[in-house]
């Protein structure tokens, strides 16, 4: 029986279908796995649990930090923590010469005045830590900030939605009002509840897959859960959804917010997967570069390019292709019952 993996509010997270992904890997002879678009990091954590040597990649630094933590933390490190005291220091201690970038640049955008002050404190105080502790607290505070956001996203300046005293048809006011430190502590306890996991030299990197030819080729499995264009022809732009978390890794990014938009994104990365033709071209490059690897691709049945187009391209690269359903699985807030999660498996 699989353990209870940490909860995540990250859009597109595969936490609910981890057993199905595990079953796919159990049918493959593999020791080395790349998680090419690691996102929430939860699939990388699954691969580590399954005893694989894992390379995780994501172009967002916060996601890289999460994957790196998931792939290397130990039970002993977690047991030695005084997380409550650390979080109290990180969020409440006001150091000498402290800047107030978030308080100044994002007043009234995402969080309350007191919460913005805590984020400013954190971004200064986190530099007192290094290694495991630094990665852990960046992860935990980032997860806390996601939980406190309507829709769990940073794509709109909608603090007023959270603060209005009205009857709500969605969301959880209690979750929104729970302190950052309390949410972060819960995230750490969820990690600590996992069994001891092996460490086989796993690592996380942050490389734009536009440079796919720079990736090592000796991996048995390349797992892909890329961004996609949904059935309404709208690209899923994860950097727009989670840009704010990048500032936890690089505080000065908050000064680079784009004031042309109400939500003031601090990064906004393009992706080949945001357009049909460039997505197909990227998939072809991946197939050719990892010519000896089996590709397992998580995708949506309403995605653009279509699953049939993806499968046909993989076959044209000389691969044997199978398409499997992961069952009826909807993203939060989705009202489209026609969508389902699928797996495209392409063997060399």
C-alpha atoms as a PDB file:
ATOM      1  CA  UNK A   1       0.000   0.000   0.000  1.00  0.00           C
ATOM      2  CA  UNK A   2       1.363   3.407  -0.967  1.00  0.00           C
ATOM      3  CA  UNK A   3       1.887   6.035   1.739  1.00  0.00           C
ATOM      4  CA  UNK A   4      -0.081   9.260   1.894  1.00  0.00           C
ATOM      5  CA  UNK A   5       1.896  11.719  -0.186  1.00  0.00           C
ATOM      6  CA  UNK A   6       1.919  15.427   0.753  1.00  0.00           C
ATOM      7  CA  UNK A   7      -1.137  17.410  -0.285  1.00  0.00           C
ATOM      8  CA  UNK A   8      -0.673  20.005  -2.993  1.00  0.00           C
ATOM      9  CA  UNK A   9      -2.884  22.713  -4.427  1.00  0.00           C
ATOM     10  CA  UNK A  10      -0.685  23.000  -7.520  1.00  0.00           C
ATOM     11  CA  UNK A  11      -2.838  23.028 -10.661  1.00  0.00           C
ATOM     12  CA  UNK A  12      -2.342  19.920 -12.755  1.00  0.00           C
ATOM     13  CA  UNK A  13      -0.738  17.980  -9.900  1.00  0.00           C
ATOM     14  CA  UNK A  14      -0.855  14.227 -10.461  1.00  0.00           C
ATOM     15  CA  UNK A  15      -1.217  13.352  -6.769  1.00  0.00           C
ATOM     16  CA  UNK A  16      -4.619  11.725  -7.295  1.00  0.00           C
ATOM     17  CA  UNK A  17      -3.318   9.350  -9.951  1.00  0.00           C
ATOM     18  CA  UNK A  18       0.023   8.374  -8.394  1.00  0.00           C
ATOM     19  CA  UNK A  19      -1.075   4.703  -8.124  1.00  0.00           C
ATOM     20  CA  UNK A  20      -1.730   4.618 -11.866  1.00  0.00           C
ATOM     21  CA  UNK A  21       1.685   6.143 -12.608  1.00  0.00           C
ATOM     22  CA  UNK A  22       3.333   3.667 -10.241  1.00  0.00           C
ATOM     23  CA  UNK A  23       1.589   0.784 -12.036  1.00  0.00           C
ATOM     24  CA  UNK A  24       2.948   2.001 -15.381  1.00  0.00           C
ATOM     25  CA  UNK A  25       6.511   2.056 -14.056  1.00  0.00           C
ATOM     26  CA  UNK A  26       6.120  -1.365 -12.490  1.00  0.00           C
ATOM     27  CA  UNK A  27       5.474  -2.693 -16.016  1.00  0.00           C
ATOM     28  CA  UNK A  28       8.735  -1.212 -17.287  1.00  0.00           C
ATOM     29  CA  UNK A  29      12.286  -2.361 -16.688  1.00  0.00           C
ATOM     30  CA  UNK A  30      13.873   0.850 -15.477  1.00  0.00           C
ATOM     31  CA  UNK A  31      16.275   2.219 -12.907  1.00  0.00           C
ATOM     32  CA  UNK A  32      16.825   5.771 -14.175  1.00  0.00           C
ATOM     33  CA  UNK A  33      13.938   8.206 -14.673  1.00  0.00           C
ATOM     34  CA  UNK A  34      13.719  11.838 -15.801  1.00  0.00           C
ATOM     35  CA  UNK A  35      10.753  13.911 -14.670  1.00  0.00           C
ATOM     36  CA  UNK A  36      11.068  16.434 -17.487  1.00  0.00           C
ATOM     37  CA  UNK A  37       8.424  18.950 -16.319  1.00  0.00           C
ATOM     38  CA  UNK A  38       8.369  18.291 -12.580  1.00  0.00           C
ATOM     39  CA  UNK A  39       5.857  20.986 -11.532  1.00  0.00           C
ATOM     40  CA  UNK A  40       4.622  20.214  -8.014  1.00  0.00           C
ATOM     41  CA  UNK A  41       7.393  17.631  -7.596  1.00  0.00           C
ATOM     42  CA  UNK A  42       4.967  14.963  -6.433  1.00  0.00           C
ATOM     43  CA  UNK A  43       5.713  12.545  -9.293  1.00  0.00           C
ATOM     44  CA  UNK A  44       9.453  12.904  -8.678  1.00  0.00           C
ATOM     45  CA  UNK A  45       8.776  11.996  -5.047  1.00  0.00           C
ATOM     46  CA  UNK A  46       6.830   8.937  -6.220  1.00  0.00           C
ATOM     47  CA  UNK A  47       9.759   7.848  -8.398  1.00  0.00           C
ATOM     48  CA  UNK A  48      12.094   8.140  -5.414  1.00  0.00           C
ATOM     49  CA  UNK A  49       9.660   6.087  -3.314  1.00  0.00           C
ATOM     50  CA  UNK A  50       9.730   3.420  -6.049  1.00  0.00           C
ATOM     51  CA  UNK A  51      13.513   3.214  -5.705  1.00  0.00           C
ATOM     52  CA  UNK A  52      14.470   4.916  -8.965  1.00  0.00           C
ATOM     53  CA  UNK A  53      17.378   7.238  -9.626  1.00  0.00           C
ATOM     54  CA  UNK A  54      15.641  10.484 -10.537  1.00  0.00           C
ATOM     55  CA  UNK A  55      16.529  13.650 -12.417  1.00  0.00           C
ATOM     56  CA  UNK A  56      13.812  16.290 -12.042  1.00  0.00           C
ATOM     57  CA  UNK A  57      13.628  19.413 -14.180  1.00  0.00           C
ATOM     58  CA  UNK A  58      11.462  22.508 -14.213  1.00  0.00           C
ATOM     59  CA  UNK A  59      12.077  26.014 -15.521  1.00  0.00           C
ATOM     60  CA  UNK A  60      10.580  27.607 -12.401  1.00  0.00           C
ATOM     61  CA  UNK A  61      13.079  27.951  -9.547  1.00  0.00           C
ATOM     62  CA  UNK A  62      10.465  27.324  -6.860  1.00  0.00           C
ATOM     63  CA  UNK A  63       9.542  24.040  -8.537  1.00  0.00           C
ATOM     64  CA  UNK A  64      13.204  23.097  -8.826  1.00  0.00           C
ATOM     65  CA  UNK A  65      13.596  23.783  -5.114  1.00  0.00           C
ATOM     66  CA  UNK A  66      10.595  21.578  -4.307  1.00  0.00           C
ATOM     67  CA  UNK A  67      11.796  18.691  -6.447  1.00  0.00           C
ATOM     68  CA  UNK A  68      15.296  18.957  -4.996  1.00  0.00           C
ATOM     69  CA  UNK A  69      13.864  18.777  -1.485  1.00  0.00           C
ATOM     70  CA  UNK A  70      11.597  15.836  -2.298  1.00  0.00           C
ATOM     71  CA  UNK A  71      14.459  13.892  -3.854  1.00  0.00           C
ATOM     72  CA  UNK A  72      16.996  14.341  -1.042  1.00  0.00           C
ATOM     73  CA  UNK A  73      15.396  14.970   2.370  1.00  0.00           C
ATOM     74  CA  UNK A  74      15.799  12.366   5.112  1.00  0.00           C
ATOM     75  CA  UNK A  75      13.682  11.400   8.106  1.00  0.00           C
ATOM     76  CA  UNK A  76      16.584  12.166  10.436  1.00  0.00           C
ATOM     77  CA  UNK A  77      16.891  15.728   9.120  1.00  0.00           C
ATOM     78  CA  UNK A  78      13.198  16.319   9.691  1.00  0.00           C
ATOM     79  CA  UNK A  79      13.327  14.773  13.163  1.00  0.00           C
ATOM     80  CA  UNK A  80      16.096  17.167  14.235  1.00  0.00           C
ATOM     81  CA  UNK A  81      14.117  20.280  13.307  1.00  0.00           C
ATOM     82  CA  UNK A  82      12.444  22.739  15.614  1.00  0.00           C
ATOM     83  CA  UNK A  83      10.216  23.825  12.738  1.00  0.00           C
ATOM     84  CA  UNK A  84       7.822  25.865  14.849  1.00  0.00           C
ATOM     85  CA  UNK A  85      10.634  27.979  16.285  1.00  0.00           C
ATOM     86  CA  UNK A  86      12.294  28.336  12.887  1.00  0.00           C
ATOM     87  CA  UNK A  87       9.074  29.477  11.213  1.00  0.00           C
ATOM     88  CA  UNK A  88       8.398  31.930  14.024  1.00  0.00           C
ATOM     89  CA  UNK A  89      11.848  33.459  13.432  1.00  0.00           C
ATOM     90  CA  UNK A  90      11.560  33.436   9.645  1.00  0.00           C
ATOM     91  CA  UNK A  91       8.145  35.083   9.506  1.00  0.00           C
ATOM     92  CA  UNK A  92       8.197  37.441  12.493  1.00  0.00           C
ATOM     93  CA  UNK A  93      11.763  38.561  13.113  1.00  0.00           C
ATOM     94  CA  UNK A  94      12.372  42.018  11.610  1.00  0.00           C
ATOM     95  CA  UNK A  95      16.089  42.244  10.796  1.00  0.00           C
ATOM     96  CA  UNK A  96      18.078  45.468  10.722  1.00  0.00           C
ATOM     97  CA  UNK A  97      18.016  47.102   7.313  1.00  0.00           C
ATOM     98  CA  UNK A  98      15.070  45.005   6.204  1.00  0.00           C
ATOM     99  CA  UNK A  99      13.531  46.006   2.870  1.00  0.00           C
ATOM    100  CA  UNK A 100       9.767  46.001   2.367  1.00  0.00           C
ATOM    101  CA  UNK A 101       9.574  45.111  -1.328  1.00  0.00           C
ATOM    102  CA  UNK A 102       6.467  42.915  -1.128  1.00  0.00           C
ATOM    103  CA  UNK A 103       4.688  45.343   1.201  1.00  0.00           C
ATOM    104  CA  UNK A 104       5.469  48.234  -1.153  1.00  0.00           C
ATOM    105  CA  UNK A 105       4.978  46.561  -4.532  1.00  0.00           C
ATOM    106  CA  UNK A 106       2.064  44.194  -3.791  1.00  0.00           C
ATOM    107  CA  UNK A 107      -0.101  46.094  -1.324  1.00  0.00           C
ATOM    108  CA  UNK A 108      -3.696  44.956  -1.762  1.00  0.00           C
ATOM    109  CA  UNK A 109      -2.849  42.517  -4.571  1.00  0.00           C
ATOM    110  CA  UNK A 110      -2.586  39.034  -2.997  1.00  0.00           C
ATOM    111  CA  UNK A 111      -2.202  39.230   0.772  1.00  0.00           C
ATOM    112  CA  UNK A 112      -3.030  41.454   3.715  1.00  0.00           C
ATOM    113  CA  UNK A 113      -0.635  44.070   5.059  1.00  0.00           C
ATOM    114  CA  UNK A 114       0.493  41.839   7.925  1.00  0.00           C
ATOM    115  CA  UNK A 115       0.971  38.846   5.613  1.00  0.00           C
ATOM    116  CA  UNK A 116       3.043  40.927   3.181  1.00  0.00           C
ATOM    117  CA  UNK A 117       5.224  41.970   6.116  1.00  0.00           C
ATOM    118  CA  UNK A 118       5.739  38.311   7.030  1.00  0.00           C
ATOM    119  CA  UNK A 119       6.775  37.521   3.450  1.00  0.00           C
ATOM    120  CA  UNK A 120       9.280  40.392   3.529  1.00  0.00           C
ATOM    121  CA  UNK A 121      10.648  39.071   6.828  1.00  0.00           C
ATOM    122  CA  UNK A 122      10.910  35.565   5.423  1.00  0.00           C
ATOM    123  CA  UNK A 123      12.782  36.646   2.297  1.00  0.00           C
ATOM    124  CA  UNK A 124      15.399  38.360   4.463  1.00  0.00           C
ATOM    125  CA  UNK A 125      15.673  35.760   7.207  1.00  0.00           C
ATOM    126  CA  UNK A 126      15.788  32.692   4.944  1.00  0.00           C
ATOM    127  CA  UNK A 127      19.342  33.670   4.012  1.00  0.00           C
ATOM    128  CA  UNK A 128      20.357  32.726   7.567  1.00  0.00           C
ATOM    129  CA  UNK A 129      19.783  29.109   6.485  1.00  0.00           C
ATOM    130  CA  UNK A 130      21.372  26.902   3.845  1.00  0.00           C
ATOM    131  CA  UNK A 131      20.981  23.487   2.301  1.00  0.00           C
ATOM    132  CA  UNK A 132      18.146  21.283   3.522  1.00  0.00           C
ATOM    133  CA  UNK A 133      16.631  23.826   5.928  1.00  0.00           C
ATOM    134  CA  UNK A 134      16.558  26.609   3.357  1.00  0.00           C
ATOM    135  CA  UNK A 135      14.925  24.368   0.741  1.00  0.00           C
ATOM    136  CA  UNK A 136      12.405  23.002   3.233  1.00  0.00           C
ATOM    137  CA  UNK A 137      11.178  26.376   4.461  1.00  0.00           C
ATOM    138  CA  UNK A 138      10.982  27.876   0.965  1.00  0.00           C
ATOM    139  CA  UNK A 139       8.836  24.894  -0.028  1.00  0.00           C
ATOM    140  CA  UNK A 140       6.623  25.023   3.056  1.00  0.00           C
ATOM    141  CA  UNK A 141       6.005  28.777   2.999  1.00  0.00           C
ATOM    142  CA  UNK A 142       5.315  28.632  -0.753  1.00  0.00           C
ATOM    143  CA  UNK A 143       2.705  25.940  -0.179  1.00  0.00           C
ATOM    144  CA  UNK A 144       1.180  28.052   2.580  1.00  0.00           C
ATOM    145  CA  UNK A 145       0.866  31.040   0.237  1.00  0.00           C
ATOM    146  CA  UNK A 146      -0.832  28.877  -2.406  1.00  0.00           C
ATOM    147  CA  UNK A 147      -3.383  27.658   0.140  1.00  0.00           C
ATOM    148  CA  UNK A 148      -4.243  31.222   1.122  1.00  0.00           C
ATOM    149  CA  UNK A 149      -5.082  32.254  -2.439  1.00  0.00           C
ATOM    150  CA  UNK A 150      -8.520  32.115  -4.113  1.00  0.00           C
ATOM    151  CA  UNK A 151      -8.248  29.430  -6.823  1.00  0.00           C
ATOM    152  CA  UNK A 152      -4.782  28.614  -5.340  1.00  0.00           C
ATOM    153  CA  UNK A 153      -3.276  30.807  -8.079  1.00  0.00           C
ATOM    154  CA  UNK A 154      -1.537  34.159  -8.549  1.00  0.00           C
ATOM    155  CA  UNK A 155      -3.048  34.999 -11.941  1.00  0.00           C
ATOM    156  CA  UNK A 156      -5.420  37.683 -10.617  1.00  0.00           C
ATOM    157  CA  UNK A 157      -5.224  40.578  -8.179  1.00  0.00           C
ATOM    158  CA  UNK A 158      -8.232  39.373  -6.218  1.00  0.00           C
ATOM    159  CA  UNK A 159      -7.491  39.824  -2.532  1.00  0.00           C
ATOM    160  CA  UNK A 160     -10.930  41.439  -2.242  1.00  0.00           C
ATOM    161  CA  UNK A 161     -12.541  38.086  -3.123  1.00  0.00           C
ATOM    162  CA  UNK A 162     -10.981  36.569  -0.045  1.00  0.00           C
ATOM    163  CA  UNK A 163     -11.807  39.491   2.262  1.00  0.00           C
ATOM    164  CA  UNK A 164     -15.446  40.139   1.314  1.00  0.00           C
ATOM    165  CA  UNK A 165     -17.954  39.190   3.990  1.00  0.00           C
ATOM    166  CA  UNK A 166     -20.319  37.293   1.702  1.00  0.00           C
ATOM    167  CA  UNK A 167     -21.780  33.819   1.339  1.00  0.00           C
ATOM    168  CA  UNK A 168     -19.365  31.771  -0.779  1.00  0.00           C
ATOM    169  CA  UNK A 169     -20.085  29.049  -3.316  1.00  0.00           C
ATOM    170  CA  UNK A 170     -16.438  27.895  -3.375  1.00  0.00           C
ATOM    171  CA  UNK A 171     -13.256  28.224  -1.414  1.00  0.00           C
ATOM    172  CA  UNK A 172     -12.665  27.889   2.282  1.00  0.00           C
ATOM    173  CA  UNK A 173     -12.521  31.079   4.337  1.00  0.00           C
ATOM    174  CA  UNK A 174     -10.966  29.223   7.272  1.00  0.00           C
ATOM    175  CA  UNK A 175      -8.107  28.017   5.050  1.00  0.00           C
ATOM    176  CA  UNK A 176      -7.598  31.513   3.674  1.00  0.00           C
ATOM    177  CA  UNK A 177      -7.385  33.023   7.145  1.00  0.00           C
ATOM    178  CA  UNK A 178      -5.123  30.370   8.665  1.00  0.00           C
ATOM    179  CA  UNK A 179      -1.686  31.837   9.418  1.00  0.00           C
ATOM    180  CA  UNK A 180       1.172  31.297   6.971  1.00  0.00           C
ATOM    181  CA  UNK A 181       3.222  29.620   9.694  1.00  0.00           C
ATOM    182  CA  UNK A 182       0.454  27.189  10.591  1.00  0.00           C
ATOM    183  CA  UNK A 183      -0.008  26.094   6.989  1.00  0.00           C
ATOM    184  CA  UNK A 184       3.767  25.738   6.535  1.00  0.00           C
ATOM    185  CA  UNK A 185       4.105  23.623   9.675  1.00  0.00           C
ATOM    186  CA  UNK A 186       1.405  21.261   8.414  1.00  0.00           C
ATOM    187  CA  UNK A 187       3.299  20.810   5.117  1.00  0.00           C
ATOM    188  CA  UNK A 188       6.436  19.843   7.025  1.00  0.00           C
ATOM    189  CA  UNK A 189       4.529  17.332   9.166  1.00  0.00           C
ATOM    190  CA  UNK A 190       3.160  15.693   6.012  1.00  0.00           C
ATOM    191  CA  UNK A 191       6.706  15.164   4.738  1.00  0.00           C
ATOM    192  CA  UNK A 192       7.773  13.792   8.100  1.00  0.00           C
ATOM    193  CA  UNK A 193       4.946  11.222   7.960  1.00  0.00           C
ATOM    194  CA  UNK A 194       6.443   9.550   4.883  1.00  0.00           C
ATOM    195  CA  UNK A 195       8.523   6.383   5.302  1.00  0.00           C
ATOM    196  CA  UNK A 196      12.305   6.516   5.033  1.00  0.00           C
ATOM    197  CA  UNK A 197      13.241   6.878   1.368  1.00  0.00           C
ATOM    198  CA  UNK A 198      16.421   5.813  -0.380  1.00  0.00           C
ATOM    199  CA  UNK A 199      18.845   8.296  -1.928  1.00  0.00           C
ATOM    200  CA  UNK A 200      20.532   7.222  -5.150  1.00  0.00           C
ATOM    201  CA  UNK A 201      22.139  10.467  -6.188  1.00  0.00           C
ATOM    202  CA  UNK A 202      18.867  12.090  -7.212  1.00  0.00           C
ATOM    203  CA  UNK A 203      18.968  15.735  -8.206  1.00  0.00           C
ATOM    204  CA  UNK A 204      16.839  18.579  -9.550  1.00  0.00           C
ATOM    205  CA  UNK A 205      17.806  21.088 -12.220  1.00  0.00           C
ATOM    206  CA  UNK A 206      16.178  24.110 -13.828  1.00  0.00           C
ATOM    207  CA  UNK A 207      16.750  24.040 -17.583  1.00  0.00           C
ATOM    208  CA  UNK A 208      14.452  25.362 -20.280  1.00  0.00           C
ATOM    209  CA  UNK A 209      13.570  22.360 -22.425  1.00  0.00           C
ATOM    210  CA  UNK A 210      14.277  24.563 -25.440  1.00  0.00           C
ATOM    211  CA  UNK A 211      17.779  23.228 -24.708  1.00  0.00           C
ATOM    212  CA  UNK A 212      16.601  19.608 -24.702  1.00  0.00           C
ATOM    213  CA  UNK A 213      19.789  18.426 -26.404  1.00  0.00           C
ATOM    214  CA  UNK A 214      21.736  19.330 -23.246  1.00  0.00           C
ATOM    215  CA  UNK A 215      19.981  16.638 -21.188  1.00  0.00           C
ATOM    216  CA  UNK A 216      21.751  13.332 -20.490  1.00  0.00           C
ATOM    217  CA  UNK A 217      20.490  10.439 -22.589  1.00  0.00           C
ATOM    218  CA  UNK A 218      21.123   7.386 -20.424  1.00  0.00           C
ATOM    219  CA  UNK A 219      17.747   7.443 -18.635  1.00  0.00           C
ATOM    220  CA  UNK A 220      15.419   4.480 -19.128  1.00  0.00           C
ATOM    221  CA  UNK A 221      12.178   6.447 -18.746  1.00  0.00           C
ATOM    222  CA  UNK A 222      11.377  10.038 -19.664  1.00  0.00           C
ATOM    223  CA  UNK A 223       8.184  11.032 -17.877  1.00  0.00           C
ATOM    224  CA  UNK A 224       6.472  14.116 -19.292  1.00  0.00           C
ATOM    225  CA  UNK A 225       3.619  16.199 -17.932  1.00  0.00           C
ATOM    226  CA  UNK A 226       4.052  19.328 -20.068  1.00  0.00           C
ATOM    227  CA  UNK A 227       1.876  22.432 -20.250  1.00  0.00           C
ATOM    228  CA  UNK A 228      -0.825  22.141 -22.876  1.00  0.00           C
ATOM    229  CA  UNK A 229      -3.495  24.067 -24.764  1.00  0.00           C
ATOM    230  CA  UNK A 230      -6.898  23.230 -23.335  1.00  0.00           C
ATOM    231  CA  UNK A 231     -10.143  22.521 -25.182  1.00  0.00           C
ATOM    232  CA  UNK A 232     -10.929  26.260 -25.255  1.00  0.00           C
ATOM    233  CA  UNK A 233      -7.611  26.832 -27.063  1.00  0.00           C
ATOM    234  CA  UNK A 234      -6.134  28.632 -24.044  1.00  0.00           C
ATOM    235  CA  UNK A 235      -2.498  27.768 -23.222  1.00  0.00           C
ATOM    236  CA  UNK A 236      -1.804  26.746 -19.625  1.00  0.00           C
ATOM    237  CA  UNK A 237       0.950  29.121 -18.505  1.00  0.00           C
ATOM    238  CA  UNK A 238       2.310  27.903 -15.168  1.00  0.00           C
ATOM    239  CA  UNK A 239       4.716  30.812 -14.820  1.00  0.00           C
ATOM    240  CA  UNK A 240       1.717  33.166 -14.857  1.00  0.00           C
ATOM    241  CA  UNK A 241      -0.073  31.003 -12.276  1.00  0.00           C
ATOM    242  CA  UNK A 242       2.839  30.714  -9.812  1.00  0.00           C
ATOM    243  CA  UNK A 243       5.190  33.585 -10.618  1.00  0.00           C
ATOM    244  CA  UNK A 244       4.893  35.032  -7.100  1.00  0.00           C
ATOM    245  CA  UNK A 245       6.603  31.995  -5.572  1.00  0.00           C
ATOM    246  CA  UNK A 246       9.757  32.710  -7.596  1.00  0.00           C
ATOM    247  CA  UNK A 247      10.396  35.646  -5.277  1.00  0.00           C
ATOM    248  CA  UNK A 248      10.877  33.277  -2.348  1.00  0.00           C
ATOM    249  CA  UNK A 249      13.943  31.983  -4.199  1.00  0.00           C
ATOM    250  CA  UNK A 250      15.128  35.388  -5.426  1.00  0.00           C
ATOM    251  CA  UNK A 251      13.743  38.326  -3.438  1.00  0.00           C
ATOM    252  CA  UNK A 252      14.856  40.968  -5.925  1.00  0.00           C
ATOM    253  CA  UNK A 253      12.464  39.539  -8.530  1.00  0.00           C
ATOM    254  CA  UNK A 254       9.605  41.250  -6.697  1.00  0.00           C
ATOM    255  CA  UNK A 255      11.075  44.561  -7.876  1.00  0.00           C
ATOM    256  CA  UNK A 256      10.704  43.392 -11.488  1.00  0.00           C
ATOM    257  CA  UNK A 257       6.941  43.032 -11.355  1.00  0.00           C
ATOM    258  CA  UNK A 258       5.154  43.989 -14.548  1.00  0.00           C
ATOM    259  CA  UNK A 259       2.880  46.894 -13.633  1.00  0.00           C
ATOM    260  CA  UNK A 260       1.048  46.682 -16.954  1.00  0.00           C
ATOM    261  CA  UNK A 261      -1.049  43.934 -15.365  1.00  0.00           C
ATOM    262  CA  UNK A 262      -3.104  44.143 -12.150  1.00  0.00           C
ATOM    263  CA  UNK A 263      -1.557  40.928 -10.793  1.00  0.00           C
ATOM    264  CA  UNK A 264       1.975  42.242 -11.442  1.00  0.00           C
ATOM    265  CA  UNK A 265       3.757  39.063 -12.602  1.00  0.00           C
ATOM    266  CA  UNK A 266       7.435  38.931 -11.663  1.00  0.00           C
ATOM    267  CA  UNK A 267       8.248  36.343 -14.355  1.00  0.00           C
ATOM    268  CA  UNK A 268       6.347  35.280 -17.460  1.00  0.00           C
ATOM    269  CA  UNK A 269       8.025  32.527 -19.451  1.00  0.00           C
ATOM    270  CA  UNK A 270       6.951  31.346 -22.862  1.00  0.00           C
ATOM    271  CA  UNK A 271       6.884  27.647 -23.702  1.00  0.00           C
ATOM    272  CA  UNK A 272       6.907  25.650 -26.897  1.00  0.00           C
ATOM    273  CA  UNK A 273       3.824  23.920 -25.500  1.00  0.00           C
ATOM    274  CA  UNK A 274       1.779  27.127 -25.711  1.00  0.00           C
ATOM    275  CA  UNK A 275       1.308  26.668 -29.497  1.00  0.00           C
ATOM    276  CA  UNK A 276       0.248  23.583 -31.435  1.00  0.00           C
ATOM    277  CA  UNK A 277       2.982  23.535 -34.075  1.00  0.00           C
ATOM    278  CA  UNK A 278       5.838  24.325 -31.700  1.00  0.00           C
ATOM    279  CA  UNK A 279       4.527  21.701 -29.247  1.00  0.00           C
ATOM    280  CA  UNK A 280       4.688  19.035 -31.932  1.00  0.00           C
ATOM    281  CA  UNK A 281       8.157  20.207 -32.929  1.00  0.00           C
ATOM    282  CA  UNK A 282       9.306  19.993 -29.302  1.00  0.00           C
ATOM    283  CA  UNK A 283       7.860  16.501 -28.942  1.00  0.00           C
ATOM    284  CA  UNK A 284       9.752  15.401 -32.049  1.00  0.00           C
ATOM    285  CA  UNK A 285      13.005  16.766 -30.627  1.00  0.00           C
ATOM    286  CA  UNK A 286      12.370  14.930 -27.350  1.00  0.00           C
ATOM    287  CA  UNK A 287      11.688  11.664 -29.183  1.00  0.00           C
ATOM    288  CA  UNK A 288      14.885  11.989 -31.185  1.00  0.00           C
ATOM    289  CA  UNK A 289      17.128  13.095 -28.324  1.00  0.00           C
ATOM    290  CA  UNK A 290      15.933  10.323 -26.002  1.00  0.00           C
ATOM    291  CA  UNK A 291      15.979   7.771 -28.806  1.00  0.00           C
ATOM    292  CA  UNK A 292      16.731   4.860 -26.450  1.00  0.00           C
ATOM    293  CA  UNK A 293      14.293   5.877 -23.700  1.00  0.00           C
ATOM    294  CA  UNK A 294      10.664   4.966 -23.197  1.00  0.00           C
ATOM    295  CA  UNK A 295       8.514   8.102 -23.015  1.00  0.00           C
ATOM    296  CA  UNK A 296       5.529   8.147 -20.672  1.00  0.00           C
ATOM    297  CA  UNK A 297       3.441  11.258 -21.225  1.00  0.00           C
ATOM    298  CA  UNK A 298       0.601  12.459 -19.022  1.00  0.00           C
ATOM    299  CA  UNK A 299      -1.885  14.430 -21.063  1.00  0.00           C
ATOM    300  CA  UNK A 300      -5.489  15.582 -21.256  1.00  0.00           C
ATOM    301  CA  UNK A 301      -7.978  14.110 -23.688  1.00  0.00           C
ATOM    302  CA  UNK A 302      -9.044  17.619 -24.797  1.00  0.00           C
ATOM    303  CA  UNK A 303      -5.473  18.867 -25.207  1.00  0.00           C
ATOM    304  CA  UNK A 304      -4.099  20.619 -28.277  1.00  0.00           C
ATOM    305  CA  UNK A 305      -2.255  19.091 -30.089  1.00  0.00           C
ATOM    306  CA  UNK A 306      -4.691  16.200 -29.827  1.00  0.00           C
ATOM    307  CA  UNK A 307      -3.607  12.889 -28.288  1.00  0.00           C
ATOM    308  CA  UNK A 308      -3.947  11.300 -31.742  1.00  0.00           C
ATOM    309  CA  UNK A 309      -1.574  13.881 -33.219  1.00  0.00           C
ATOM    310  CA  UNK A 310       0.908  13.234 -30.412  1.00  0.00           C
ATOM    311  CA  UNK A 311       0.711   9.470 -30.880  1.00  0.00           C
ATOM    312  CA  UNK A 312       1.073   9.689 -34.655  1.00  0.00           C
ATOM    313  CA  UNK A 313       4.161  11.884 -34.375  1.00  0.00           C
ATOM    314  CA  UNK A 314       5.755   9.435 -31.944  1.00  0.00           C
ATOM    315  CA  UNK A 315       5.043   6.562 -34.338  1.00  0.00           C
ATOM    316  CA  UNK A 316       6.655   8.538 -37.160  1.00  0.00           C
ATOM    317  CA  UNK A 317       9.808   8.630 -35.016  1.00  0.00           C
ATOM    318  CA  UNK A 318       9.867   4.823 -35.070  1.00  0.00           C
ATOM    319  CA  UNK A 319       8.208   4.207 -31.723  1.00  0.00           C
ATOM    320  CA  UNK A 320       5.548   1.738 -30.640  1.00  0.00           C
ATOM    321  CA  UNK A 321       2.764   3.764 -29.038  1.00  0.00           C
ATOM    322  CA  UNK A 322      -0.009   2.887 -26.598  1.00  0.00           C
ATOM    323  CA  UNK A 323      -2.660   5.234 -25.174  1.00  0.00           C
ATOM    324  CA  UNK A 324      -4.218   4.451 -21.802  1.00  0.00           C
ATOM    325  CA  UNK A 325      -6.888   6.191 -19.756  1.00  0.00           C
ATOM    326  CA  UNK A 326      -6.156   7.129 -16.158  1.00  0.00           C
ATOM    327  CA  UNK A 327      -9.886   7.253 -15.478  1.00  0.00           C
ATOM    328  CA  UNK A 328     -12.215  10.198 -15.121  1.00  0.00           C
ATOM    329  CA  UNK A 329     -10.144  12.777 -13.329  1.00  0.00           C
ATOM    330  CA  UNK A 330     -11.024  16.473 -13.235  1.00  0.00           C
ATOM    331  CA  UNK A 331      -8.983  19.443 -12.160  1.00  0.00           C
ATOM    332  CA  UNK A 332     -10.428  21.527  -9.337  1.00  0.00           C
ATOM    333  CA  UNK A 333     -13.073  24.003 -10.519  1.00  0.00           C
ATOM    334  CA  UNK A 334     -13.327  22.259 -13.891  1.00  0.00           C
ATOM    335  CA  UNK A 335     -16.874  21.795 -15.162  1.00  0.00           C
ATOM    336  CA  UNK A 336     -15.946  19.866 -18.282  1.00  0.00           C
ATOM    337  CA  UNK A 337     -16.925  16.250 -17.710  1.00  0.00           C
ATOM    338  CA  UNK A 338     -15.564  15.230 -21.119  1.00  0.00           C
ATOM    339  CA  UNK A 339     -11.948  15.664 -20.058  1.00  0.00           C
ATOM    340  CA  UNK A 340      -9.945  12.793 -18.731  1.00  0.00           C
ATOM    341  CA  UNK A 341      -6.339  12.159 -17.880  1.00  0.00           C
ATOM    342  CA  UNK A 342      -4.553   9.857 -20.310  1.00  0.00           C
ATOM    343  CA  UNK A 343      -1.123   8.292 -20.653  1.00  0.00           C
ATOM    344  CA  UNK A 344       0.716   8.069 -23.952  1.00  0.00           C
ATOM    345  CA  UNK A 345       3.459   5.437 -23.778  1.00  0.00           C
ATOM    346  CA  UNK A 346       6.022   5.451 -26.594  1.00  0.00           C
ATOM    347  CA  UNK A 347       8.688   2.759 -26.580  1.00  0.00           C
ATOM    348  CA  UNK A 348      11.763   2.854 -28.869  1.00  0.00           C
END
